[in-house]
Amino acid sequence: MKVTADSTTTKQKLARVGAGLRHYIVVIFLLFLLGIYGFLAWRVFTLTSAEPTADEVSAPLKTVNVTPVKQENIQKIEQLQDNSVSVHALFDEARQNPFQE
């Protein structure tokens, strides 16, 4: 293969640049790592601060089956509540703190 003067000068220039960069290889590597960590931190921040859309929130609610309570059962409970003081107190307590057992 024929070697021209241009290719030797280009090789020499690249060798000089490579030798100059060898002194800064640690700094270049640290900047590379800093860039990767910065990108990861930015990506984590964007993913954790993402809010669901209204459609995504309402989609699971559409699949919930609500069992209807018959009106006669509601009237029966109200009659029982009116007749018994202890049941009346129990209903009031349940209304104040519904998650207490």
N, C-alpha and C. Protein backbone atom coordinates (compact mmCIF):
# COMPACT_ATOMS: atom_id res chain seq x y z
N MET A 1 0.84 -1.17 0.00
CA MET A 1 0.00 0.00 0.00
C MET A 1 0.89 1.23 0.00
N LYS A 2 0.46 2.18 -0.71
CA LYS A 2 1.23 3.39 -0.88
C LYS A 2 0.94 4.36 0.25
N VAL A 3 1.96 4.83 0.91
CA VAL A 3 1.80 5.77 2.02
C VAL A 3 2.14 7.15 1.49
N THR A 4 1.21 8.07 1.69
CA THR A 4 1.44 9.43 1.22
C THR A 4 1.86 10.30 2.38
N ALA A 5 2.28 11.46 2.07
CA ALA A 5 2.73 12.41 3.09
C ALA A 5 1.55 12.87 3.94
N ASP A 6 0.36 12.97 3.31
CA ASP A 6 -0.82 13.40 4.06
C ASP A 6 -1.20 12.40 5.14
N SER A 7 -1.11 11.12 4.83
CA SER A 7 -1.51 10.11 5.81
C SER A 7 -0.52 10.04 6.96
N THR A 8 0.77 10.27 6.70
CA THR A 8 1.75 10.24 7.79
C THR A 8 1.57 11.45 8.69
N THR A 9 1.28 12.60 8.11
CA THR A 9 1.08 13.77 8.96
C THR A 9 -0.21 13.63 9.75
N THR A 10 -1.23 13.00 9.16
CA THR A 10 -2.48 12.79 9.88
C THR A 10 -2.24 11.82 11.03
N LYS A 11 -1.48 10.76 10.80
CA LYS A 11 -1.17 9.81 11.86
C LYS A 11 -0.37 10.48 12.97
N GLN A 12 0.55 11.33 12.59
CA GLN A 12 1.36 12.03 13.59
C GLN A 12 0.50 12.98 14.41
N LYS A 13 -0.42 13.65 13.75
CA LYS A 13 -1.30 14.57 14.47
C LYS A 13 -2.21 13.80 15.44
N LEU A 14 -2.74 12.67 14.97
CA LEU A 14 -3.59 11.85 15.85
C LEU A 14 -2.79 11.29 17.02
N ALA A 15 -1.55 10.93 16.78
CA ALA A 15 -0.69 10.42 17.86
C ALA A 15 -0.44 11.51 18.89
N ARG A 16 -0.22 12.75 18.44
CA ARG A 16 -0.02 13.86 19.37
C ARG A 16 -1.27 14.13 20.20
N VAL A 17 -2.44 14.10 19.52
CA VAL A 17 -3.71 14.32 20.23
C VAL A 17 -3.93 13.19 21.24
N GLY A 18 -3.66 11.96 20.85
CA GLY A 18 -3.81 10.81 21.75
C GLY A 18 -2.89 10.93 22.95
N ALA A 19 -1.67 11.37 22.73
CA ALA A 19 -0.72 11.54 23.83
C ALA A 19 -1.17 12.66 24.76
N GLY A 20 -1.74 13.71 24.19
CA GLY A 20 -2.24 14.80 25.02
C GLY A 20 -3.46 14.39 25.82
N LEU A 21 -4.33 13.57 25.24
CA LEU A 21 -5.52 13.11 25.95
C LEU A 21 -5.19 12.10 27.03
N ARG A 22 -4.05 11.40 26.89
CA ARG A 22 -3.67 10.41 27.87
C ARG A 22 -3.47 11.06 29.25
N HIS A 23 -3.08 12.30 29.29
CA HIS A 23 -2.89 13.00 30.56
C HIS A 23 -4.23 13.30 31.22
N TYR A 24 -5.25 13.44 30.43
CA TYR A 24 -6.58 13.81 30.94
C TYR A 24 -7.57 12.64 30.95
N ILE A 25 -7.07 11.42 30.81
CA ILE A 25 -7.97 10.27 30.72
C ILE A 25 -8.80 10.10 31.99
N VAL A 26 -8.26 10.39 33.15
CA VAL A 26 -9.00 10.26 34.41
C VAL A 26 -10.12 11.30 34.46
N VAL A 27 -9.82 12.52 34.05
CA VAL A 27 -10.82 13.58 34.05
C VAL A 27 -11.93 13.26 33.05
N ILE A 28 -11.57 12.78 31.90
CA ILE A 28 -12.56 12.43 30.88
C ILE A 28 -13.44 11.29 31.39
N PHE A 29 -12.84 10.30 32.03
CA PHE A 29 -13.60 9.18 32.57
C PHE A 29 -14.56 9.65 33.66
N LEU A 30 -14.10 10.52 34.55
CA LEU A 30 -14.96 11.04 35.62
C LEU A 30 -16.11 11.88 35.04
N LEU A 31 -15.84 12.67 34.01
CA LEU A 31 -16.90 13.43 33.36
C LEU A 31 -17.92 12.50 32.70
N PHE A 32 -17.45 11.41 32.14
CA PHE A 32 -18.34 10.42 31.54
C PHE A 32 -19.24 9.80 32.61
N LEU A 33 -18.64 9.40 33.74
CA LEU A 33 -19.44 8.84 34.84
C LEU A 33 -20.42 9.87 35.39
N LEU A 34 -20.00 11.10 35.53
CA LEU A 34 -20.88 12.16 36.01
C LEU A 34 -22.06 12.36 35.06
N GLY A 35 -21.81 12.27 33.77
CA GLY A 35 -22.88 12.38 32.79
C GLY A 35 -23.88 11.24 32.91
N ILE A 36 -23.38 10.03 33.11
CA ILE A 36 -24.27 8.87 33.26
C ILE A 36 -25.10 9.02 34.53
N TYR A 37 -24.47 9.37 35.65
CA TYR A 37 -25.21 9.53 36.91
C TYR A 37 -26.21 10.68 36.82
N GLY A 38 -25.84 11.73 36.15
CA GLY A 38 -26.76 12.85 35.98
C GLY A 38 -27.98 12.44 35.16
N PHE A 39 -27.75 11.69 34.10
CA PHE A 39 -28.87 11.22 33.28
C PHE A 39 -29.78 10.29 34.08
N LEU A 40 -29.20 9.38 34.86
CA LEU A 40 -30.00 8.47 35.66
C LEU A 40 -30.81 9.21 36.72
N ALA A 41 -30.20 10.20 37.36
CA ALA A 41 -30.92 10.98 38.37
C ALA A 41 -32.07 11.75 37.74
N TRP A 42 -31.83 12.33 36.58
CA TRP A 42 -32.90 13.05 35.87
C TRP A 42 -34.02 12.11 35.48
N ARG A 43 -33.67 10.93 35.00
CA ARG A 43 -34.69 9.95 34.57
C ARG A 43 -35.52 9.46 35.76
N VAL A 44 -34.86 9.19 36.88
CA VAL A 44 -35.58 8.75 38.08
C VAL A 44 -36.52 9.86 38.54
N PHE A 45 -36.06 11.09 38.52
CA PHE A 45 -36.91 12.21 38.94
C PHE A 45 -38.14 12.33 38.05
N THR A 46 -37.96 12.21 36.74
CA THR A 46 -39.11 12.34 35.85
C THR A 46 -40.09 11.19 36.02
N LEU A 47 -39.59 9.99 36.28
CA LEU A 47 -40.48 8.85 36.44
C LEU A 47 -41.22 8.88 37.78
N THR A 48 -40.57 9.38 38.83
CA THR A 48 -41.24 9.42 40.14
C THR A 48 -42.22 10.57 40.25
N SER A 49 -42.06 11.60 39.47
CA SER A 49 -42.97 12.73 39.56
C SER A 49 -44.10 12.65 38.53
N ALA A 50 -44.19 11.57 37.80
CA ALA A 50 -45.24 11.42 36.79
C ALA A 50 -46.58 11.15 37.47
N GLU A 51 -47.60 11.84 37.06
CA GLU A 51 -48.95 11.69 37.60
C GLU A 51 -49.80 10.93 36.59
N PRO A 52 -50.68 10.05 37.06
CA PRO A 52 -51.54 9.34 36.12
C PRO A 52 -52.61 10.27 35.54
N THR A 53 -53.06 9.95 34.36
CA THR A 53 -54.11 10.75 33.73
C THR A 53 -55.46 10.38 34.35
N ALA A 54 -56.46 11.19 34.06
CA ALA A 54 -57.80 10.94 34.60
C ALA A 54 -58.36 9.61 34.08
N ASP A 55 -58.05 9.27 32.83
CA ASP A 55 -58.52 8.01 32.27
C ASP A 55 -57.88 6.81 32.98
N GLU A 56 -56.59 6.93 33.30
CA GLU A 56 -55.92 5.84 34.00
C GLU A 56 -56.46 5.65 35.41
N VAL A 57 -56.89 6.73 36.05
CA VAL A 57 -57.45 6.64 37.39
C VAL A 57 -58.86 6.05 37.35
N SER A 58 -59.66 6.46 36.37
CA SER A 58 -61.05 6.03 36.33
C SER A 58 -61.23 4.63 35.72
N ALA A 59 -60.25 4.12 35.00
CA ALA A 59 -60.38 2.80 34.36
C ALA A 59 -60.61 1.68 35.37
N PRO A 60 -59.87 1.58 36.48
CA PRO A 60 -60.15 0.50 37.43
C PRO A 60 -61.50 0.66 38.12
N LEU A 61 -61.97 1.87 38.25
CA LEU A 61 -63.25 2.08 38.93
C LEU A 61 -64.42 1.58 38.08
N LYS A 62 -64.25 1.50 36.79
CA LYS A 62 -65.32 1.03 35.91
C LYS A 62 -65.54 -0.47 36.05
N THR A 63 -64.53 -1.20 36.51
CA THR A 63 -64.64 -2.65 36.63
C THR A 63 -65.17 -3.09 37.99
N VAL A 64 -65.38 -2.17 38.91
CA VAL A 64 -65.86 -2.51 40.25
C VAL A 64 -67.37 -2.75 40.19
N ASN A 65 -67.79 -3.88 40.74
CA ASN A 65 -69.20 -4.20 40.79
C ASN A 65 -69.75 -3.80 42.16
N VAL A 66 -70.68 -2.89 42.17
CA VAL A 66 -71.29 -2.43 43.40
C VAL A 66 -72.61 -3.18 43.58
N THR A 67 -72.74 -3.84 44.73
CA THR A 67 -73.96 -4.57 45.01
C THR A 67 -75.00 -3.60 45.56
N PRO A 68 -76.14 -3.50 44.92
CA PRO A 68 -77.15 -2.56 45.42
C PRO A 68 -77.82 -3.10 46.69
N VAL A 69 -78.15 -2.18 47.60
CA VAL A 69 -78.85 -2.53 48.82
C VAL A 69 -80.33 -2.23 48.61
N LYS A 70 -81.14 -3.21 48.94
CA LYS A 70 -82.58 -3.04 48.73
C LYS A 70 -83.14 -2.02 49.72
N GLN A 71 -84.10 -1.28 49.27
CA GLN A 71 -84.73 -0.24 50.10
C GLN A 71 -85.41 -0.85 51.33
N GLU A 72 -85.97 -2.03 51.19
CA GLU A 72 -86.64 -2.65 52.35
C GLU A 72 -85.63 -3.04 53.43
N ASN A 73 -84.42 -3.41 53.03
CA ASN A 73 -83.38 -3.72 54.02
C ASN A 73 -82.94 -2.45 54.76
N ILE A 74 -82.85 -1.35 54.05
CA ILE A 74 -82.50 -0.08 54.68
C ILE A 74 -83.56 0.32 55.69
N GLN A 75 -84.82 0.17 55.33
CA GLN A 75 -85.92 0.52 56.25
C GLN A 75 -85.89 -0.38 57.49
N LYS A 76 -85.60 -1.66 57.30
CA LYS A 76 -85.54 -2.60 58.42
C LYS A 76 -84.43 -2.20 59.39
N ILE A 77 -83.27 -1.84 58.89
CA ILE A 77 -82.16 -1.41 59.73
C ILE A 77 -82.51 -0.14 60.48
N GLU A 78 -83.15 0.79 59.81
CA GLU A 78 -83.56 2.04 60.48
C GLU A 78 -84.58 1.77 61.58
N GLN A 79 -85.50 0.84 61.36
CA GLN A 79 -86.47 0.49 62.40
C GLN A 79 -85.78 -0.14 63.60
N LEU A 80 -84.84 -1.02 63.34
CA LEU A 80 -84.10 -1.65 64.44
C LEU A 80 -83.29 -0.62 65.22
N GLN A 81 -82.72 0.32 64.51
CA GLN A 81 -81.93 1.38 65.15
C GLN A 81 -82.82 2.23 66.03
N ASP A 82 -84.00 2.57 65.59
CA ASP A 82 -84.91 3.40 66.37
C ASP A 82 -85.42 2.67 67.60
N ASN A 83 -85.58 1.35 67.55
CA ASN A 83 -86.14 0.58 68.65
C ASN A 83 -85.13 0.28 69.76
N SER A 84 -83.87 0.20 69.47
CA SER A 84 -82.88 -0.22 70.46
C SER A 84 -81.87 0.90 70.70
N VAL A 85 -81.69 1.23 71.99
CA VAL A 85 -80.74 2.28 72.36
C VAL A 85 -79.32 1.81 72.14
N SER A 86 -79.04 0.55 72.45
CA SER A 86 -77.67 0.04 72.28
C SER A 86 -77.28 -0.02 70.81
N VAL A 87 -78.25 -0.37 69.96
CA VAL A 87 -77.97 -0.38 68.51
C VAL A 87 -77.76 1.04 68.02
N HIS A 88 -78.54 1.98 68.55
CA HIS A 88 -78.40 3.38 68.19
C HIS A 88 -77.00 3.88 68.56
N ALA A 89 -76.52 3.52 69.74
CA ALA A 89 -75.17 3.91 70.17
C ALA A 89 -74.12 3.24 69.29
N LEU A 90 -74.36 2.01 68.92
CA LEU A 90 -73.43 1.28 68.06
C LEU A 90 -73.31 1.94 66.69
N PHE A 91 -74.45 2.36 66.13
CA PHE A 91 -74.43 3.05 64.83
C PHE A 91 -73.72 4.39 64.93
N ASP A 92 -73.95 5.12 66.00
CA ASP A 92 -73.28 6.42 66.17
C ASP A 92 -71.77 6.23 66.29
N GLU A 93 -71.37 5.23 67.07
CA GLU A 93 -69.95 4.96 67.23
C GLU A 93 -69.32 4.53 65.91
N ALA A 94 -70.02 3.74 65.13
CA ALA A 94 -69.51 3.30 63.83
C ALA A 94 -69.41 4.46 62.85
N ARG A 95 -70.29 5.43 62.99
CA ARG A 95 -70.21 6.61 62.12
C ARG A 95 -69.02 7.49 62.48
N GLN A 96 -68.68 7.54 63.75
CA GLN A 96 -67.57 8.38 64.20
C GLN A 96 -66.23 7.75 63.81
N ASN A 97 -66.12 6.43 63.97
CA ASN A 97 -64.88 5.75 63.64
C ASN A 97 -65.22 4.44 62.93
N PRO A 98 -65.37 4.47 61.61
CA PRO A 98 -65.85 3.29 60.88
C PRO A 98 -64.82 2.16 60.81
N PHE A 99 -63.55 2.43 61.11
CA PHE A 99 -62.54 1.39 60.97
C PHE A 99 -62.17 0.74 62.29
N GLN A 100 -62.84 1.10 63.33
CA GLN A 100 -62.59 0.48 64.63
C GLN A 100 -63.35 -0.83 64.72
N GLU A 101 -62.69 -1.82 65.29
CA GLU A 101 -63.35 -3.12 65.40
C GLU A 101 -63.96 -3.29 66.76
